[in-house]
C-alpha atoms as a PDB file:
ATOM      1  CA  VAL A   1      46.000  18.333  38.770  1.00  0.00           C
ATOM      2  CA  LEU A   2      46.159  22.058  39.229  1.00  0.00           C
ATOM      3  CA  ARG A   3      42.333  22.034  40.246  1.00  0.00           C
ATOM      4  CA  GLN A   4      42.658  19.562  42.451  1.00  0.00           C
ATOM      5  CA  LEU A   5      45.710  21.387  44.160  1.00  0.00           C
ATOM      6  CA  LYS A   6      44.101  24.502  44.533  1.00  0.00           C
ATOM      7  CA  ILE A   7      40.967  22.741  45.967  1.00  0.00           C
ATOM      8  CA  LYS A   8      42.812  20.705  48.355  1.00  0.00           C
ATOM      9  CA  THR A   9      44.445  23.680  49.574  1.00  0.00           C
ATOM     10  CA  GLY A  10      41.792  25.687  49.770  1.00  0.00           C
ATOM     11  CA  ALA A  11      40.123  22.993  52.084  1.00  0.00           C
ATOM     12  CA  VAL A  12      43.049  22.859  54.388  1.00  0.00           C
ATOM     13  CA  LYS A  13      42.937  26.564  54.635  1.00  0.00           C
ATOM     14  CA  ARG A  14      39.419  26.864  55.587  1.00  0.00           C
ATOM     15  CA  LEU A  15      39.786  24.345  57.947  1.00  0.00           C
ATOM     16  CA  VAL A  16      42.667  25.808  59.805  1.00  0.00           C
ATOM     17  CA  LYS A  17      40.432  29.008  59.870  1.00  0.00           C
ATOM     18  CA  GLU A  18      37.459  27.035  61.123  1.00  0.00           C
ATOM     19  CA  ARG A  19      39.708  25.519  64.125  1.00  0.00           C
ATOM     20  CA  GLU A  20      40.514  29.187  64.981  1.00  0.00           C
ATOM     21  CA  VAL A  21      36.655  30.142  65.093  1.00  0.00           C
ATOM     22  CA  ASP A  22      35.843  27.098  67.301  1.00  0.00           C
ATOM     23  CA  LEU A  23      38.662  28.191  69.387  1.00  0.00           C
ATOM     24  CA  ARG A  24      37.205  31.651  69.640  1.00  0.00           C
ATOM     25  CA  GLU A  25      33.927  30.365  70.352  1.00  0.00           C
ATOM     26  CA  VAL A  26      34.956  28.147  73.332  1.00  0.00           C
ATOM     27  CA  ASP A  27      36.723  31.530  74.843  1.00  0.00           C
ATOM     28  CA  GLU A  28      33.699  33.582  74.367  1.00  0.00           C
ATOM     29  CA  GLN A  29      31.163  30.932  75.540  1.00  0.00           C
ATOM     30  CA  ARG A  30      33.392  30.582  78.956  1.00  0.00           C
ATOM     31  CA  VAL A  31      33.315  34.435  79.209  1.00  0.00           C
ATOM     32  CA  ARG A  32      29.463  34.293  78.799  1.00  0.00           C
ATOM     33  CA  ILE A  33      29.279  31.625  81.458  1.00  0.00           C
ATOM     34  CA  GLU A  34      31.386  33.167  83.838  1.00  0.00           C
ATOM     35  CA  GLN A  35      29.558  36.705  83.522  1.00  0.00           C
ATOM     36  CA  MET A  36      26.070  34.601  83.984  1.00  0.00           C
ATOM     37  CA  HIS A  37      27.463  33.603  87.402  1.00  0.00           C
ATOM     38  CA  GLY A  38      28.203  37.024  88.294  1.00  0.00           C
ATOM     39  CA  LYS A  39      24.897  38.026  87.367  1.00  0.00           C
ATOM     40  CA  GLU A  40      21.800  38.263  89.957  1.00  0.00           C
ATOM     41  CA  GLY A  41      18.596  36.663  88.550  1.00  0.00           C
ATOM     42  CA  VAL A  42      19.985  34.271  86.299  1.00  0.00           C
ATOM     43  CA  ASP A  43      18.369  30.848  86.408  1.00  0.00           C
ATOM     44  CA  ASP A  44      20.228  27.665  86.513  1.00  0.00           C
ATOM     45  CA  ALA A  45      18.697  26.202  83.652  1.00  0.00           C
ATOM     46  CA  ASP A  46      20.194  29.157  81.610  1.00  0.00           C
ATOM     47  CA  ILE A  47      23.643  28.425  82.843  1.00  0.00           C
ATOM     48  CA  ARG A  48      23.133  24.631  82.223  1.00  0.00           C
ATOM     49  CA  LYS A  49      22.132  25.355  78.774  1.00  0.00           C
ATOM     50  CA  GLN A  50      25.170  27.517  78.035  1.00  0.00           C
ATOM     51  CA  ASN A  51      27.472  24.746  79.701  1.00  0.00           C
ATOM     52  CA  GLU A  52      25.894  22.258  77.041  1.00  0.00           C
ATOM     53  CA  VAL A  53      26.828  24.865  74.418  1.00  0.00           C
ATOM     54  CA  LEU A  54      30.349  25.070  75.856  1.00  0.00           C
ATOM     55  CA  GLU A  55      30.523  21.403  75.655  1.00  0.00           C
ATOM     56  CA  GLU A  56      29.450  20.879  72.138  1.00  0.00           C
ATOM     57  CA  ALA A  57      31.811  23.848  71.351  1.00  0.00           C
ATOM     58  CA  LEU A  58      34.459  21.695  72.878  1.00  0.00           C
ATOM     59  CA  ARG A  59      33.474  18.754  71.217  1.00  0.00           C
ATOM     60  CA  MET A  60      33.931  20.319  67.842  1.00  0.00           C
ATOM     61  CA  ILE A  61      37.555  21.031  68.102  1.00  0.00           C
ATOM     62  CA  PRO A  62      38.958  17.509  68.150  1.00  0.00           C
ATOM     63  CA  TYR A  63      36.225  16.737  65.095  1.00  0.00           C
ATOM     64  CA  THR A  64      37.841  19.892  62.923  1.00  0.00           C
ATOM     65  CA  GLU A  65      41.431  18.868  64.079  1.00  0.00           C
ATOM     66  CA  ARG A  66      40.796  15.228  62.746  1.00  0.00           C
ATOM     67  CA  ARG A  67      39.404  17.013  59.445  1.00  0.00           C
ATOM     68  CA  ILE A  68      42.505  19.074  59.054  1.00  0.00           C
ATOM     69  CA  ARG A  69      44.846  15.955  59.590  1.00  0.00           C
ATOM     70  CA  THR A  70      43.003  13.986  56.788  1.00  0.00           C
ATOM     71  CA  ALA A  71      42.949  16.899  54.371  1.00  0.00           C
ATOM     72  CA  VAL A  72      46.694  17.808  55.273  1.00  0.00           C
ATOM     73  CA  GLN A  73      47.345  14.045  54.241  1.00  0.00           C
ATOM     74  CA  ASP A  74      45.403  14.187  51.200  1.00  0.00           C
ATOM     75  CA  LEU A  75      47.020  17.339  50.006  1.00  0.00           C
ATOM     76  CA  ASP A  76      50.607  16.264  51.006  1.00  0.00           C
ATOM     77  CA  GLY A  77      50.340  13.100  48.819  1.00  0.00           C
ATOM     78  CA  LEU A  78      48.696  15.316  45.779  1.00  0.00           C
ATOM     79  CA  VAL A  79      51.934  17.825  46.301  1.00  0.00           C
ATOM     80  CA  GLN A  80      54.506  14.885  46.351  1.00  0.00           C
ATOM     81  CA  ALA A  81      52.776  13.820  43.172  1.00  0.00           C
ATOM     82  CA  THR A  82      52.752  17.187  41.680  1.00  0.00           C
ATOM     83  CA  LYS A  83      56.567  17.890  42.652  1.00  0.00           C
ATOM     84  CA  GLU A  84      57.267  14.801  40.621  1.00  0.00           C
ATOM     85  CA  ASP A  85      55.706  16.149  37.511  1.00  0.00           C
ATOM     86  CA  GLY A  86      57.881  19.320  38.016  1.00  0.00           C
ATOM     87  CA  ARG A  87      54.845  21.748  37.314  1.00  0.00           C
ATOM     88  CA  ALA A  88      52.796  24.125  39.095  1.00  0.00           C
ATOM     89  CA  ALA A  89      55.205  26.276  41.220  1.00  0.00           C
ATOM     90  CA  LYS A  90      52.895  28.558  42.490  1.00  0.00           C
ATOM     91  CA  GLU A  91      50.218  25.988  43.687  1.00  0.00           C
ATOM     92  CA  LEU A  92      52.736  23.886  45.292  1.00  0.00           C
ATOM     93  CA  ASP A  93      54.120  26.980  47.204  1.00  0.00           C
ATOM     94  CA  ASP A  94      50.754  27.708  48.133  1.00  0.00           C
ATOM     95  CA  ALA A  95      50.054  24.209  49.150  1.00  0.00           C
ATOM     96  CA  ASP A  96      53.318  23.982  51.033  1.00  0.00           C
ATOM     97  CA  ALA A  97      52.338  27.078  52.951  1.00  0.00           C
ATOM     98  CA  ALA A  98      48.959  25.736  53.981  1.00  0.00           C
ATOM     99  CA  ILE A  99      50.269  22.553  55.058  1.00  0.00           C
ATOM    100  CA  SER A 100      52.934  24.263  57.303  1.00  0.00           C
ATOM    101  CA  ALA A 101      50.061  26.280  58.717  1.00  0.00           C
ATOM    102  CA  ALA A 102      48.099  23.388  59.437  1.00  0.00           C
ATOM    103  CA  ARG A 103      50.958  21.740  61.110  1.00  0.00           C
ATOM    104  CA  ARG A 104      51.489  24.731  63.487  1.00  0.00           C
ATOM    105  CA  VAL A 105      47.929  24.536  64.724  1.00  0.00           C
ATOM    106  CA  VAL A 106      47.530  20.470  64.728  1.00  0.00           C
ATOM    107  CA  PRO A 107      50.954  19.590  65.407  1.00  0.00           C
ATOM    108  CA  THR A 108      50.336  15.835  64.821  1.00  0.00           C
ATOM    109  CA  ALA A 109      49.168  16.488  61.100  1.00  0.00           C
ATOM    110  CA  THR A 110      52.587  15.264  59.635  1.00  0.00           C
ATOM    111  CA  ASP A 111      51.542  11.954  58.291  1.00  0.00           C
END
């Protein structure tokens, strides 16, 4: 049970970080496209390609958020079962912190 708790806690933490990376990538891509619009000699095909990259990055955010919701749901169930056993205080604290962090970035991750 402790091992599963650690694994699922790590998964939630990793997915929250992955979402942060996805958001940062979207911001960077938008800046890149804006810079391309300001430069002379940039081919329209290059701008279109960068827009495709932006669209792909934007599609990743909801996908990652769904994965966060699923991981939080799994971890929350395991936390409830572990609390009933009355064991693993440190692991439970870590899991609760990971769940809270996930719910801050994906507010609907409450199920």
